[in-house]
Amino acid sequence: QVQLVESGGGLVQPGGSLRLSCAASGNIFSVYTMGWYRQAPGKQRELVASITSGGITNYADSVKGRFTISRDNAKNTVYLQMNSLKPEDTAVYYCSQNRPLRTYWGQGTQVTISS
């Protein structure tokens, strides 16, 4: 059973920064693509960023240049550095691990951008 545990969410003013972390159980973390998704109230869950086992990254247009995804395979952890945050970034952020037969999800962490 894969467990993904997110942390680092909170309330930040516009223009501020947050760093989300996602710790994964298991000893073959490095081979899987990891992702960050978000879901705002009344909206569908959307991909924010992903990173492959080889370190190739992909970002939603809305966060390019502001967010950075990274991974530390020694710590089984994926990060999302979020800078220049905007009110429209407010959402529950979910970590994902993409395996061949299914995708695993964390429980989510709330990010609120408000003055």
C-alpha atoms as a PDB file:
ATOM      1  CA  GLN A   1       0.000   0.000   0.000  1.00  0.00           C
ATOM      2  CA  VAL A   2       1.389   3.346  -1.080  1.00  0.00           C
ATOM      3  CA  GLN A   3       0.988   6.275   1.268  1.00  0.00           C
ATOM      4  CA  LEU A   4       1.542   9.868   0.223  1.00  0.00           C
ATOM      5  CA  VAL A   5       1.578  12.518   2.934  1.00  0.00           C
ATOM      6  CA  GLU A   6       1.521  16.195   1.986  1.00  0.00           C
ATOM      7  CA  SER A   7       2.587  19.063   4.205  1.00  0.00           C
ATOM      8  CA  GLY A   8       3.424  22.739   3.977  1.00  0.00           C
ATOM      9  CA  GLY A   9       0.071  24.282   3.124  1.00  0.00           C
ATOM     10  CA  GLY A  10      -1.291  27.350   4.849  1.00  0.00           C
ATOM     11  CA  LEU A  11      -2.495  30.931   4.561  1.00  0.00           C
ATOM     12  CA  VAL A  12      -0.240  33.349   2.700  1.00  0.00           C
ATOM     13  CA  GLN A  13      -0.661  36.886   1.415  1.00  0.00           C
ATOM     14  CA  PRO A  14      -0.600  37.541  -2.324  1.00  0.00           C
ATOM     15  CA  GLY A  15       2.958  37.671  -3.581  1.00  0.00           C
ATOM     16  CA  GLY A  16       4.161  35.308  -0.889  1.00  0.00           C
ATOM     17  CA  SER A  17       5.719  31.861  -1.105  1.00  0.00           C
ATOM     18  CA  LEU A  18       5.051  28.378   0.168  1.00  0.00           C
ATOM     19  CA  ARG A  19       6.868  25.079  -0.167  1.00  0.00           C
ATOM     20  CA  LEU A  20       4.809  21.922  -0.253  1.00  0.00           C
ATOM     21  CA  SER A  21       6.310  18.535   0.512  1.00  0.00           C
ATOM     22  CA  CYS A  22       5.014  15.040  -0.190  1.00  0.00           C
ATOM     23  CA  ALA A  23       6.599  12.050   1.495  1.00  0.00           C
ATOM     24  CA  ALA A  24       5.953   8.661  -0.101  1.00  0.00           C
ATOM     25  CA  SER A  25       6.159   5.207   1.426  1.00  0.00           C
ATOM     26  CA  GLY A  26       7.864   2.369  -0.395  1.00  0.00           C
ATOM     27  CA  ASN A  27      11.369   1.718  -1.649  1.00  0.00           C
ATOM     28  CA  ILE A  28      10.933   2.226  -5.403  1.00  0.00           C
ATOM     29  CA  PHE A  29       9.946   5.879  -5.328  1.00  0.00           C
ATOM     30  CA  SER A  30      12.565   6.901  -7.868  1.00  0.00           C
ATOM     31  CA  VAL A  31      11.056   5.046 -10.834  1.00  0.00           C
ATOM     32  CA  TYR A  32       7.664   6.768 -10.827  1.00  0.00           C
ATOM     33  CA  THR A  33       6.446  10.058 -12.145  1.00  0.00           C
ATOM     34  CA  MET A  34       5.252  12.286  -9.322  1.00  0.00           C
ATOM     35  CA  GLY A  35       2.774  15.105  -9.648  1.00  0.00           C
ATOM     36  CA  TRP A  36       1.035  17.946  -7.894  1.00  0.00           C
ATOM     37  CA  TYR A  37      -2.615  18.634  -8.633  1.00  0.00           C
ATOM     38  CA  ARG A  38      -5.005  21.159  -7.164  1.00  0.00           C
ATOM     39  CA  GLN A  39      -8.728  21.512  -6.810  1.00  0.00           C
ATOM     40  CA  ALA A  40     -10.491  24.766  -6.045  1.00  0.00           C
ATOM     41  CA  PRO A  41     -14.086  24.849  -4.771  1.00  0.00           C
ATOM     42  CA  GLY A  42     -16.524  24.123  -7.583  1.00  0.00           C
ATOM     43  CA  LYS A  43     -13.769  23.277 -10.046  1.00  0.00           C
ATOM     44  CA  GLN A  44     -12.239  20.108 -11.398  1.00  0.00           C
ATOM     45  CA  ARG A  45      -8.918  18.822 -10.175  1.00  0.00           C
ATOM     46  CA  GLU A  46      -6.145  20.073 -12.446  1.00  0.00           C
ATOM     47  CA  LEU A  47      -2.506  19.218 -12.975  1.00  0.00           C
ATOM     48  CA  VAL A  48      -0.132  21.823 -11.568  1.00  0.00           C
ATOM     49  CA  ALA A  49       3.222  20.167 -12.211  1.00  0.00           C
ATOM     50  CA  SER A  50       4.820  16.779 -12.721  1.00  0.00           C
ATOM     51  CA  ILE A  51       8.314  15.330 -12.669  1.00  0.00           C
ATOM     52  CA  THR A  52       9.438  12.076 -14.238  1.00  0.00           C
ATOM     53  CA  SER A  53      11.929   9.594 -12.855  1.00  0.00           C
ATOM     54  CA  GLY A  54      14.534  11.243 -15.060  1.00  0.00           C
ATOM     55  CA  GLY A  55      13.764  14.716 -13.773  1.00  0.00           C
ATOM     56  CA  ILE A  56      11.778  15.993 -16.739  1.00  0.00           C
ATOM     57  CA  THR A  57       9.258  18.550 -15.538  1.00  0.00           C
ATOM     58  CA  ASN A  58       5.947  19.757 -16.872  1.00  0.00           C
ATOM     59  CA  TYR A  59       3.902  22.741 -15.659  1.00  0.00           C
ATOM     60  CA  ALA A  60       0.459  24.159 -16.159  1.00  0.00           C
ATOM     61  CA  ASP A  61       0.619  27.419 -18.080  1.00  0.00           C
ATOM     62  CA  SER A  62      -0.891  29.252 -15.127  1.00  0.00           C
ATOM     63  CA  VAL A  63       2.077  28.454 -12.862  1.00  0.00           C
ATOM     64  CA  LYS A  64       5.029  28.505 -15.268  1.00  0.00           C
ATOM     65  CA  GLY A  65       7.778  30.751 -13.994  1.00  0.00           C
ATOM     66  CA  ARG A  66       6.300  30.839 -10.486  1.00  0.00           C
ATOM     67  CA  PHE A  67       6.254  27.212  -9.316  1.00  0.00           C
ATOM     68  CA  THR A  68       9.066  24.669  -9.287  1.00  0.00           C
ATOM     69  CA  ILE A  69       8.670  20.935  -8.783  1.00  0.00           C
ATOM     70  CA  SER A  70      11.598  18.868  -7.580  1.00  0.00           C
ATOM     71  CA  ARG A  71      12.282  15.489  -6.051  1.00  0.00           C
ATOM     72  CA  ASP A  72      14.722  13.945  -3.610  1.00  0.00           C
ATOM     73  CA  ASN A  73      14.791  10.229  -4.297  1.00  0.00           C
ATOM     74  CA  ALA A  74      16.954   9.547  -1.250  1.00  0.00           C
ATOM     75  CA  LYS A  75      14.172  10.951   0.924  1.00  0.00           C
ATOM     76  CA  ASN A  76      11.234   9.615  -1.134  1.00  0.00           C
ATOM     77  CA  THR A  77       9.952  13.159  -1.270  1.00  0.00           C
ATOM     78  CA  VAL A  78       8.648  15.507  -3.944  1.00  0.00           C
ATOM     79  CA  TYR A  79       8.433  19.259  -3.441  1.00  0.00           C
ATOM     80  CA  LEU A  80       6.510  22.139  -4.933  1.00  0.00           C
ATOM     81  CA  GLN A  81       8.064  25.554  -4.430  1.00  0.00           C
ATOM     82  CA  MET A  82       5.412  28.188  -5.033  1.00  0.00           C
ATOM     83  CA  ASN A  83       6.413  31.826  -5.451  1.00  0.00           C
ATOM     84  CA  SER A  84       4.519  34.983  -6.385  1.00  0.00           C
ATOM     85  CA  LEU A  85       1.319  33.399  -5.168  1.00  0.00           C
ATOM     86  CA  LYS A  86      -2.003  34.747  -6.356  1.00  0.00           C
ATOM     87  CA  PRO A  87      -5.520  34.472  -4.913  1.00  0.00           C
ATOM     88  CA  GLU A  88      -6.416  32.189  -7.822  1.00  0.00           C
ATOM     89  CA  ASP A  89      -3.843  29.685  -6.554  1.00  0.00           C
ATOM     90  CA  THR A  90      -6.126  28.997  -3.598  1.00  0.00           C
ATOM     91  CA  ALA A  91      -7.030  25.302  -3.620  1.00  0.00           C
ATOM     92  CA  VAL A  92      -6.438  21.959  -2.010  1.00  0.00           C
ATOM     93  CA  TYR A  93      -3.164  20.633  -3.366  1.00  0.00           C
ATOM     94  CA  TYR A  94      -2.753  16.893  -3.880  1.00  0.00           C
ATOM     95  CA  CYS A  95       0.359  14.833  -4.444  1.00  0.00           C
ATOM     96  CA  SER A  96       0.183  11.936  -6.890  1.00  0.00           C
ATOM     97  CA  GLN A  97       2.295   8.942  -7.799  1.00  0.00           C
ATOM     98  CA  ASN A  98       1.662   7.540 -11.257  1.00  0.00           C
ATOM     99  CA  ARG A  99       2.085   3.788 -11.446  1.00  0.00           C
ATOM    100  CA  PRO A 100       1.279   1.614 -14.494  1.00  0.00           C
ATOM    101  CA  LEU A 101      -1.951   0.211 -13.077  1.00  0.00           C
ATOM    102  CA  ARG A 102      -3.188   3.139 -11.023  1.00  0.00           C
ATOM    103  CA  THR A 103      -2.468   6.557  -9.616  1.00  0.00           C
ATOM    104  CA  TYR A 104      -2.106   7.044  -5.887  1.00  0.00           C
ATOM    105  CA  TRP A 105      -3.163  10.237  -4.133  1.00  0.00           C
ATOM    106  CA  GLY A 106      -2.359  11.970  -0.909  1.00  0.00           C
ATOM    107  CA  GLN A 107      -4.984  13.434   1.387  1.00  0.00           C
ATOM    108  CA  GLY A 108      -4.367  16.986   0.234  1.00  0.00           C
ATOM    109  CA  THR A 109      -3.162  20.170   1.875  1.00  0.00           C
ATOM    110  CA  GLN A 110      -5.026  23.486   1.835  1.00  0.00           C
ATOM    111  CA  VAL A 111      -3.347  26.509   0.312  1.00  0.00           C
ATOM    112  CA  THR A 112      -5.115  29.833   0.791  1.00  0.00           C
ATOM    113  CA  ILE A 113      -3.885  33.081  -0.709  1.00  0.00           C
ATOM    114  CA  SER A 114      -5.569  36.073   0.841  1.00  0.00           C
ATOM    115  CA  SER A 115      -4.780  39.465   2.279  1.00  0.00           C
END
